[in-house]
C-alpha cells in the first residue's frame, strides 16, 4: 500500500490521505471516528480494494493532518471532503463514515448530493446534544496533561469488556491512536459534534443510504441509527450486536453488509 499523500484545504490546513485499489475502479471514501486515524480502516482495505479505489483521509485535527486551533464545524469538515475530491478530480464517490465520519456523511448527503453515490452511515447520530456536556468535555480535554484518561474513556466506550480485558494488538493500536491525538484537534472535533443538529435536514438526502447501528453502543445509541433510517428517504437499517466500532468488533458482518449494499445493482 502506498504512503500518505497531502493536499491543502481552502483555509490552509494540510490534510493527509491515501489511495488503495486500482485506478479504474469506482471511488469509495472512508471517514474515521473521532480520536482515530485512517488506519482504523486497515482491516477493511483488502476486501474493499478489490471492488473500489479506496480513498481514506485523516480528519483535520487527527493523525497526520493539520491541527488548526479553535472549534471546528461540520460545514468545514464536510468541505474538507469536497475539496479533497476536487483536488483529485473525482466528481462523485461512494462514502462510508463511522461515528464522526457518519456525521460528515450526513452533511455531504444534504449539502453535496451531486458528489455522493451510495452512502453508508455507521454507528452515528444526527444530534448528540445538549451542548453543555460537550463544553465540559472540551474543557477537560484541554486541561489534561496528556491523553491517558481520555484514551481509556474512549476505549471503554468503543469496545465490549471482553475485548478490553483480552487486550492484544487491536486494543493496543487504538490506544496508540488516541494517545497520539493532539488534544486541540480532539477538542476542535468535539465542538463540531456539539454544534451539529442534522435531525431535520437529513430528510433531504437522496443518495441510497445504509445505516448500521450497534445494539450495545453507548456513544451513538441504536435508537439514533433507527431515527436516521426513519428520516432519510428509503434508507435501510442494520443493527449489529456490537458496541461502537462495529467494523472492528464484527468485521465479517460489517463487511458483508457494506459490500452487499455498495455492489447492489
Protein backbone atom coordinates (compact mmCIF):
# COMPACT_ATOMS: atom_id res chain seq x y z
CA UNK A 1 0.00 0.00 0.00
CA UNK A 2 1.25 3.46 -0.85
CA UNK A 3 2.42 6.10 1.61
CA UNK A 4 0.42 9.13 2.69
CA UNK A 5 -0.22 11.98 0.29
CA UNK A 6 -1.23 15.53 1.23
CA UNK A 7 -3.35 18.39 -0.02
CA UNK A 8 -4.13 21.81 1.45
CA UNK A 9 -7.69 22.93 2.15
CA UNK A 10 -9.13 26.32 1.27
CA UNK A 11 -8.47 27.55 4.80
CA UNK A 12 -4.85 26.44 4.70
CA UNK A 13 -4.89 23.12 6.58
CA UNK A 14 -2.61 20.34 5.32
CA UNK A 15 -4.61 17.12 5.12
CA UNK A 16 -3.29 13.57 4.84
CA UNK A 17 -4.89 10.92 2.64
CA UNK A 18 -4.09 7.68 0.86
CA UNK A 19 -5.49 5.67 -2.03
CA UNK A 20 -5.71 1.89 -2.35
CA UNK A 21 -7.10 -0.18 -5.20
CA UNK A 22 -6.88 0.03 -8.97
CA UNK A 23 -7.20 3.46 -10.56
CA UNK A 24 -10.11 2.48 -12.80
CA UNK A 25 -12.43 1.30 -10.04
CA UNK A 26 -15.29 3.35 -8.56
CA UNK A 27 -14.14 5.57 -5.69
CA UNK A 28 -15.16 4.89 -2.09
CA UNK A 29 -14.29 7.46 0.57
CA UNK A 30 -13.78 6.24 4.16
CA UNK A 31 -14.12 8.71 7.04
CA UNK A 32 -12.84 7.89 10.51
CA UNK A 33 -14.22 8.11 14.01
CA UNK A 34 -13.19 10.91 16.33
CA UNK A 35 -9.92 10.07 18.10
CA UNK A 36 -8.70 7.73 15.35
CA UNK A 37 -6.87 7.93 12.04
CA UNK A 38 -7.41 6.48 8.59
CA UNK A 39 -5.77 3.31 9.92
CA UNK A 40 -9.00 2.39 11.71
CA UNK A 41 -9.99 1.00 8.30
CA UNK A 42 -6.86 -1.09 7.71
CA UNK A 43 -8.75 -4.35 8.21
CA UNK A 44 -11.33 -3.46 5.57
CA UNK A 45 -8.91 -2.40 2.82
CA UNK A 46 -8.08 -5.87 1.38
CA UNK A 47 -11.76 -6.60 0.69
CA UNK A 48 -12.84 -3.10 -0.31
CA UNK A 49 -9.92 -2.50 -2.65
CA UNK A 50 -10.95 -5.48 -4.76
CA UNK A 51 -14.02 -3.53 -5.82
CA UNK A 52 -13.19 0.15 -5.20
CA UNK A 53 -10.49 2.76 -5.43
CA UNK A 54 -10.50 3.41 -1.69
CA UNK A 55 -9.76 6.97 -0.56
CA UNK A 56 -9.03 7.40 3.15
CA UNK A 57 -8.07 10.61 4.91
CA UNK A 58 -7.22 11.84 8.39
CA UNK A 59 -9.90 14.22 9.63
CA UNK A 60 -8.46 17.63 10.49
CA UNK A 61 -7.04 17.55 13.99
CA UNK A 62 -6.21 13.85 13.70
CA UNK A 63 -3.36 11.67 12.51
CA UNK A 64 -1.03 13.28 10.02
CA UNK A 65 -3.45 16.08 9.14
CA UNK A 66 -3.02 19.61 10.46
CA UNK A 67 -4.39 20.73 13.81
CA UNK A 68 -5.83 24.22 13.43
CA UNK A 69 -6.68 26.00 16.67
CA UNK A 70 -10.22 26.58 17.87
CA UNK A 71 -13.59 24.97 17.27
CA UNK A 72 -14.26 23.04 14.07
CA UNK A 73 -17.65 22.95 12.36
CA UNK A 74 -19.49 20.24 10.47
CA UNK A 75 -19.60 22.58 7.48
CA UNK A 76 -15.81 22.78 7.50
CA UNK A 77 -15.37 19.03 7.94
CA UNK A 78 -17.75 18.43 5.05
CA UNK A 79 -15.97 20.93 2.83
CA UNK A 80 -12.68 19.17 3.60
CA UNK A 81 -14.06 16.10 1.81
CA UNK A 82 -15.40 18.10 -1.13
CA UNK A 83 -12.04 19.85 -1.52
CA UNK A 84 -10.21 16.51 -1.30
CA UNK A 85 -12.37 15.13 -4.10
CA UNK A 86 -11.79 18.31 -6.12
CA UNK A 87 -8.02 18.06 -5.64
CA UNK A 88 -8.08 14.54 -7.08
CA UNK A 89 -10.55 15.41 -9.88
CA UNK A 90 -13.10 12.92 -8.52
CA UNK A 91 -16.58 14.14 -9.45
CA UNK A 92 -18.55 11.55 -7.48
CA UNK A 93 -17.84 8.83 -4.92
CA UNK A 94 -19.49 6.44 -2.52
CA UNK A 95 -18.99 7.37 1.13
CA UNK A 96 -18.66 5.28 4.29
CA UNK A 97 -18.29 7.12 7.58
CA UNK A 98 -18.34 5.86 11.16
CA UNK A 99 -19.26 8.00 14.17
CA UNK A 100 -17.86 11.49 13.37
CA UNK A 101 -17.38 10.20 9.83
CA UNK A 102 -21.09 9.39 9.76
CA UNK A 103 -21.94 12.97 10.76
CA UNK A 104 -19.77 14.14 7.86
CA UNK A 105 -21.53 11.70 5.55
CA UNK A 106 -24.91 13.10 6.51
CA UNK A 107 -23.68 16.64 5.86
CA UNK A 108 -22.42 15.60 2.42
CA UNK A 109 -25.69 13.87 1.61
CA UNK A 110 -27.56 17.08 2.40
CA UNK A 111 -25.16 19.74 1.07
CA UNK A 112 -23.24 17.99 -1.73
CA UNK A 113 -25.67 15.38 -3.09
CA UNK A 114 -24.17 15.53 -6.58
CA UNK A 115 -20.85 14.26 -5.16
CA UNK A 116 -22.24 11.19 -3.36
CA UNK A 117 -23.22 7.88 -4.93
CA UNK A 118 -24.16 5.46 -2.16
CA UNK A 119 -23.92 6.43 1.49
CA UNK A 120 -23.12 4.21 4.49
CA UNK A 121 -23.61 5.77 7.93
CA UNK A 122 -22.21 3.56 10.68
CA UNK A 123 -22.55 3.99 14.45
CA UNK A 124 -23.50 7.62 14.19
CA UNK A 125 -26.16 10.13 15.11
CA UNK A 126 -27.81 13.20 13.65
CA UNK A 127 -27.59 15.01 17.01
CA UNK A 128 -25.57 14.38 20.18
CA UNK A 129 -26.54 17.33 22.36
CA UNK A 130 -27.10 19.11 24.61
CA UNK A 131 -24.19 21.50 24.31
CA UNK A 132 -23.14 21.86 27.99
CA UNK A 133 -21.87 18.27 28.20
CA UNK A 134 -19.60 18.96 25.24
CA UNK A 135 -18.36 22.22 26.75
CA UNK A 136 -17.37 20.29 29.86
CA UNK A 137 -15.64 17.60 27.80
CA UNK A 138 -13.77 20.18 25.73
CA UNK A 139 -12.57 21.99 28.85
CA UNK A 140 -11.46 18.74 30.49
CA UNK A 141 -9.62 17.65 27.36
CA UNK A 142 -7.71 20.91 27.11
CA UNK A 143 -6.86 20.90 30.83
CA UNK A 144 -5.46 17.37 30.83
CA UNK A 145 -1.69 16.92 30.94
CA UNK A 146 -1.91 14.10 28.40
CA UNK A 147 -4.40 11.79 26.69
CA UNK A 148 -4.17 8.88 29.14
CA UNK A 149 -7.55 9.31 30.87
CA UNK A 150 -9.25 10.35 27.64
CA UNK A 151 -7.88 7.31 25.84
CA UNK A 152 -9.18 4.91 28.47
CA UNK A 153 -12.60 6.59 28.40
CA UNK A 154 -12.80 6.19 24.63
CA UNK A 155 -11.68 2.57 24.69
CA UNK A 156 -14.32 1.79 27.30
CA UNK A 157 -16.97 3.33 25.07
CA UNK A 158 -15.75 1.69 21.88
CA UNK A 159 -15.26 -1.95 22.77
CA UNK A 160 -17.01 -4.65 24.83
CA UNK A 161 -15.44 -5.52 28.17
CA UNK A 162 -14.28 -8.93 26.92
CA UNK A 163 -12.17 -7.31 24.18
CA UNK A 164 -10.68 -4.77 26.57
CA UNK A 165 -9.84 -7.44 29.13
CA UNK A 166 -8.24 -9.65 26.48
CA UNK A 167 -6.18 -6.74 25.18
CA UNK A 168 -3.87 -7.56 22.31
CA UNK A 169 -2.72 -5.77 19.16
CA UNK A 170 -6.12 -4.35 18.17
CA UNK A 171 -6.70 -2.62 21.50
CA UNK A 172 -3.07 -1.54 21.61
CA UNK A 173 -3.35 0.02 18.15
CA UNK A 174 -6.42 2.08 19.06
CA UNK A 175 -4.90 3.14 22.37
CA UNK A 176 -1.83 4.32 20.45
CA UNK A 177 -4.02 6.29 18.01
CA UNK A 178 -5.75 8.00 20.92
CA UNK A 179 -2.54 8.74 22.78
CA UNK A 180 -1.07 10.32 19.66
CA UNK A 181 -4.11 12.55 19.02
CA UNK A 182 -3.47 16.24 19.68
CA UNK A 183 -5.83 17.43 22.42
CA UNK A 184 -6.55 20.60 20.45
CA UNK A 185 -7.64 18.53 17.46
CA UNK A 186 -9.89 16.40 19.65
CA UNK A 187 -11.41 19.49 21.28
CA UNK A 188 -12.00 21.06 17.87
CA UNK A 189 -13.82 17.95 16.67
CA UNK A 190 -15.86 17.80 19.90
CA UNK A 191 -17.06 21.33 19.09
CA UNK A 192 -18.18 20.25 15.61
CA UNK A 193 -20.30 17.48 17.15
CA UNK A 194 -21.59 19.83 19.86
CA UNK A 195 -22.92 22.29 17.29
CA UNK A 196 -24.31 19.79 14.78
CA UNK A 197 -28.02 19.10 14.53
CA UNK A 198 -28.97 17.30 11.33
CA UNK A 199 -32.21 15.77 12.57
CA UNK A 200 -34.42 17.82 10.25
CA UNK A 201 -32.17 18.36 7.25
CA UNK A 202 -31.29 14.71 6.58
CA UNK A 203 -34.74 14.27 5.12
CA UNK A 204 -33.19 15.98 2.07
CA UNK A 205 -30.70 13.14 1.47
CA UNK A 206 -31.39 11.47 -1.87
CA UNK A 207 -28.46 9.03 -2.03
CA UNK A 208 -29.24 5.36 -1.41
CA UNK A 209 -28.36 5.01 2.27
CA UNK A 210 -27.46 2.17 4.61
CA UNK A 211 -27.45 2.90 8.34
CA UNK A 212 -25.51 0.50 10.58
CA UNK A 213 -26.01 0.73 14.33
CA UNK A 214 -24.64 -1.14 17.34
CA UNK A 215 -27.09 -2.80 19.68
CA UNK A 216 -24.84 -2.08 22.67
CA UNK A 217 -23.47 1.28 21.53
CA UNK A 218 -23.49 3.81 24.37
CA UNK A 219 -21.97 6.62 22.27
CA UNK A 220 -24.37 6.72 19.33
CA UNK A 221 -27.23 4.57 20.54
CA UNK A 222 -29.03 2.11 18.28
CA UNK A 223 -32.09 4.36 18.60
CA UNK A 224 -30.10 7.18 16.97
CA UNK A 225 -29.36 4.99 13.95
CA UNK A 226 -33.03 3.99 13.78
CA UNK A 227 -34.02 7.67 13.82
CA UNK A 228 -31.67 8.43 10.92
CA UNK A 229 -33.01 5.49 8.91
CA UNK A 230 -36.58 6.61 9.60
CA UNK A 231 -35.81 10.15 8.38
CA UNK A 232 -33.63 9.57 5.30
CA UNK A 233 -35.98 8.59 2.48
CA UNK A 234 -35.66 4.92 1.57
CA UNK A 235 -32.76 4.26 3.96
CA UNK A 236 -32.03 0.72 5.10
CA UNK A 237 -31.19 -0.09 8.73
CA UNK A 238 -28.95 -2.86 10.05
CA UNK A 239 -28.44 -3.32 13.78
CA UNK A 240 -25.37 -5.39 14.70
CA UNK A 241 -24.74 -6.94 18.15
CA UNK A 242 -21.79 -4.61 18.67
CA UNK A 243 -20.66 -1.59 20.67
CA UNK A 244 -19.28 1.45 18.81
CA UNK A 245 -16.52 0.37 16.42
CA UNK A 246 -18.59 -2.25 14.65
CA UNK A 247 -16.09 -2.59 11.80
CA UNK A 248 -13.50 -3.77 14.34
CA UNK A 249 -15.68 -5.83 16.67
CA UNK A 250 -17.66 -7.64 13.95
CA UNK A 251 -15.55 -7.19 10.80
CA UNK A 252 -17.08 -10.02 8.77
CA UNK A 253 -20.70 -9.00 9.37
CA UNK A 254 -19.84 -5.35 8.83
CA UNK A 255 -18.05 -6.02 5.56
CA UNK A 256 -20.74 -8.36 4.24
CA UNK A 257 -23.39 -5.67 4.80
CA UNK A 258 -21.30 -2.87 3.29
CA UNK A 259 -20.31 -4.81 0.17
CA UNK A 260 -23.81 -6.14 -0.41
CA UNK A 261 -25.14 -2.60 -0.26
CA UNK A 262 -22.43 -0.87 -2.28
CA UNK A 263 -22.35 -3.51 -5.02
CA UNK A 264 -26.13 -3.79 -5.42
CA UNK A 265 -27.40 -3.14 -8.93
